[in-house]
Amino acid sequence: MANVKIQALCSFGGHDAGRDGKLVAMGKGDVQEVSKDFAKDVIQAGHAIEYKKKKVKHGASNDSNS
């Protein structure tokens, strides 16, 4: 089964049945890879969101000295 990265909105812990019951413990802001089923459960409960890495535009400059 595929894994998903999630980011915690609060502290929580639980066993990830999709990864042989591995214990997952997260604090607010933590990012971790978990099974899709575990991710679905904690996202639905409001404890986490799916983590999507922000894409950086190459070639754009935010340098105020130019």
N, C-alpha and C. Protein backbone atom coordinates (compact mmCIF):
# COMPACT_ATOMS: atom_id res chain seq x y z
N MET A 1 0.85 -1.18 0.00
CA MET A 1 0.00 0.00 0.00
C MET A 1 0.89 1.25 0.00
N ALA A 2 0.48 2.25 -0.72
CA ALA A 2 1.26 3.48 -0.83
C ALA A 2 1.20 4.28 0.47
N ASN A 3 2.24 5.06 0.68
CA ASN A 3 2.30 5.91 1.86
C ASN A 3 2.05 7.36 1.46
N VAL A 4 1.66 8.16 2.45
CA VAL A 4 1.33 9.57 2.25
C VAL A 4 2.04 10.38 3.33
N LYS A 5 2.48 11.57 3.00
CA LYS A 5 3.07 12.45 4.02
C LYS A 5 1.96 13.33 4.58
N ILE A 6 1.95 13.42 5.91
CA ILE A 6 0.98 14.28 6.58
C ILE A 6 1.71 15.26 7.49
N GLN A 7 1.03 16.37 7.80
CA GLN A 7 1.57 17.35 8.74
C GLN A 7 0.56 17.49 9.88
N ALA A 8 1.05 17.35 11.11
CA ALA A 8 0.19 17.38 12.29
C ALA A 8 -0.29 18.80 12.58
N LEU A 9 -1.57 18.92 12.90
CA LEU A 9 -2.15 20.20 13.33
C LEU A 9 -2.18 20.30 14.85
N CYS A 10 -1.98 19.16 15.53
CA CYS A 10 -1.94 19.10 16.98
C CYS A 10 -1.15 17.84 17.36
N SER A 11 -0.91 17.64 18.62
CA SER A 11 -0.21 16.43 19.07
C SER A 11 -1.17 15.25 19.10
N PHE A 12 -0.72 14.10 18.58
CA PHE A 12 -1.53 12.89 18.63
C PHE A 12 -0.62 11.68 18.44
N GLY A 13 -1.15 10.52 18.70
CA GLY A 13 -0.41 9.28 18.50
C GLY A 13 -1.38 8.15 18.23
N GLY A 14 -0.88 7.12 17.59
CA GLY A 14 -1.71 5.96 17.32
C GLY A 14 -0.94 4.92 16.54
N HIS A 15 -1.51 3.73 16.42
CA HIS A 15 -0.89 2.64 15.70
C HIS A 15 -1.35 2.66 14.25
N ASP A 16 -0.40 2.59 13.33
CA ASP A 16 -0.67 2.61 11.89
C ASP A 16 -0.80 1.16 11.41
N ALA A 17 -2.03 0.69 11.32
CA ALA A 17 -2.28 -0.70 10.92
C ALA A 17 -1.75 -0.99 9.51
N GLY A 18 -1.71 0.01 8.66
CA GLY A 18 -1.22 -0.16 7.31
C GLY A 18 0.28 -0.36 7.23
N ARG A 19 0.97 -0.15 8.35
CA ARG A 19 2.41 -0.38 8.42
C ARG A 19 2.72 -1.31 9.59
N ASP A 20 1.99 -2.40 9.66
CA ASP A 20 2.18 -3.44 10.68
C ASP A 20 2.05 -2.92 12.11
N GLY A 21 1.16 -1.95 12.33
CA GLY A 21 0.91 -1.46 13.68
C GLY A 21 1.98 -0.53 14.24
N LYS A 22 2.85 -0.03 13.37
CA LYS A 22 3.91 0.87 13.83
C LYS A 22 3.31 2.07 14.54
N LEU A 23 3.90 2.43 15.69
CA LEU A 23 3.41 3.55 16.47
C LEU A 23 3.80 4.86 15.79
N VAL A 24 2.82 5.73 15.63
CA VAL A 24 3.05 7.06 15.08
C VAL A 24 2.76 8.06 16.19
N ALA A 25 3.74 8.90 16.51
CA ALA A 25 3.56 9.96 17.50
C ALA A 25 4.01 11.25 16.86
N MET A 26 3.12 12.24 16.84
CA MET A 26 3.43 13.50 16.17
C MET A 26 3.06 14.69 17.04
N GLY A 27 3.84 15.75 16.92
CA GLY A 27 3.54 17.01 17.58
C GLY A 27 3.15 18.02 16.51
N LYS A 28 2.55 19.11 16.93
CA LYS A 28 2.09 20.15 16.00
C LYS A 28 3.22 20.56 15.05
N GLY A 29 2.94 20.51 13.75
CA GLY A 29 3.91 20.92 12.73
C GLY A 29 4.80 19.80 12.22
N ASP A 30 4.82 18.64 12.89
CA ASP A 30 5.64 17.51 12.44
C ASP A 30 5.13 16.99 11.10
N VAL A 31 6.05 16.52 10.27
CA VAL A 31 5.71 15.89 8.99
C VAL A 31 6.24 14.46 9.03
N GLN A 32 5.38 13.52 8.64
CA GLN A 32 5.78 12.12 8.69
C GLN A 32 5.05 11.35 7.59
N GLU A 33 5.67 10.27 7.13
CA GLU A 33 5.07 9.41 6.13
C GLU A 33 4.32 8.29 6.82
N VAL A 34 3.04 8.12 6.46
CA VAL A 34 2.18 7.11 7.07
C VAL A 34 1.39 6.41 5.96
N SER A 35 0.66 5.36 6.31
CA SER A 35 -0.17 4.67 5.32
C SER A 35 -1.36 5.54 4.92
N LYS A 36 -1.92 5.25 3.75
CA LYS A 36 -3.08 6.02 3.27
C LYS A 36 -4.25 5.92 4.24
N ASP A 37 -4.48 4.74 4.80
CA ASP A 37 -5.60 4.54 5.73
C ASP A 37 -5.42 5.37 7.01
N PHE A 38 -4.21 5.36 7.56
CA PHE A 38 -3.93 6.15 8.77
C PHE A 38 -4.11 7.63 8.47
N ALA A 39 -3.56 8.06 7.32
CA ALA A 39 -3.68 9.47 6.92
C ALA A 39 -5.14 9.87 6.81
N LYS A 40 -5.93 9.04 6.17
CA LYS A 40 -7.37 9.33 5.99
C LYS A 40 -8.05 9.52 7.34
N ASP A 41 -7.74 8.63 8.29
CA ASP A 41 -8.36 8.69 9.61
C ASP A 41 -7.99 9.97 10.37
N VAL A 42 -6.70 10.31 10.41
CA VAL A 42 -6.30 11.48 11.20
C VAL A 42 -6.68 12.79 10.51
N ILE A 43 -6.73 12.79 9.18
CA ILE A 43 -7.18 13.99 8.45
C ILE A 43 -8.67 14.19 8.69
N GLN A 44 -9.44 13.11 8.63
CA GLN A 44 -10.88 13.18 8.87
C GLN A 44 -11.17 13.64 10.30
N ALA A 45 -10.32 13.25 11.24
CA ALA A 45 -10.50 13.64 12.64
C ALA A 45 -10.06 15.08 12.90
N GLY A 46 -9.40 15.70 11.91
CA GLY A 46 -8.96 17.08 12.08
C GLY A 46 -7.62 17.23 12.77
N HIS A 47 -6.86 16.12 12.87
CA HIS A 47 -5.57 16.16 13.56
C HIS A 47 -4.40 16.45 12.62
N ALA A 48 -4.61 16.31 11.30
CA ALA A 48 -3.51 16.49 10.35
C ALA A 48 -4.06 16.91 9.00
N ILE A 49 -3.14 17.35 8.14
CA ILE A 49 -3.45 17.66 6.75
C ILE A 49 -2.44 16.92 5.88
N GLU A 50 -2.80 16.70 4.62
CA GLU A 50 -1.83 16.08 3.71
C GLU A 50 -0.74 17.10 3.44
N TYR A 51 0.50 16.64 3.52
CA TYR A 51 1.66 17.52 3.33
C TYR A 51 2.05 17.53 1.86
N LYS A 52 2.06 18.70 1.29
CA LYS A 52 2.51 18.86 -0.09
C LYS A 52 3.65 19.85 -0.09
N LYS A 53 4.78 19.40 -0.58
CA LYS A 53 5.97 20.25 -0.63
C LYS A 53 5.71 21.43 -1.56
N LYS A 54 6.04 22.62 -1.09
CA LYS A 54 5.84 23.81 -1.91
C LYS A 54 6.87 23.84 -3.03
N LYS A 55 6.38 24.11 -4.23
CA LYS A 55 7.28 24.18 -5.38
C LYS A 55 7.89 25.58 -5.45
N VAL A 56 9.19 25.61 -5.70
CA VAL A 56 9.91 26.88 -5.80
C VAL A 56 10.10 27.20 -7.27
N LYS A 57 9.72 28.42 -7.66
CA LYS A 57 9.93 28.82 -9.05
C LYS A 57 11.39 29.19 -9.24
N HIS A 58 12.01 28.58 -10.21
CA HIS A 58 13.41 28.88 -10.50
C HIS A 58 13.47 30.10 -11.41
N GLY A 59 14.48 30.93 -11.20
CA GLY A 59 14.66 32.11 -12.02
C GLY A 59 14.01 33.35 -11.43
N ALA A 60 13.09 33.18 -10.52
CA ALA A 60 12.45 34.33 -9.88
C ALA A 60 13.35 34.80 -8.74
N SER A 61 13.50 36.11 -8.62
CA SER A 61 14.35 36.65 -7.58
C SER A 61 13.57 37.54 -6.66
N ASN A 62 13.74 37.31 -5.37
CA ASN A 62 13.12 38.15 -4.36
C ASN A 62 14.15 39.06 -3.72
N ASP A 63 15.30 39.20 -4.35
CA ASP A 63 16.39 39.99 -3.81
C ASP A 63 16.07 41.47 -3.96
N SER A 64 15.92 42.17 -2.86
CA SER A 64 15.57 43.60 -2.92
C SER A 64 16.75 44.48 -3.26
N ASN A 65 17.96 43.90 -3.35
CA ASN A 65 19.16 44.67 -3.66
C ASN A 65 19.39 44.80 -5.17
N SER A 66 18.56 44.20 -6.01
CA SER A 66 18.80 44.28 -7.45
C SER A 66 18.20 45.51 -8.05
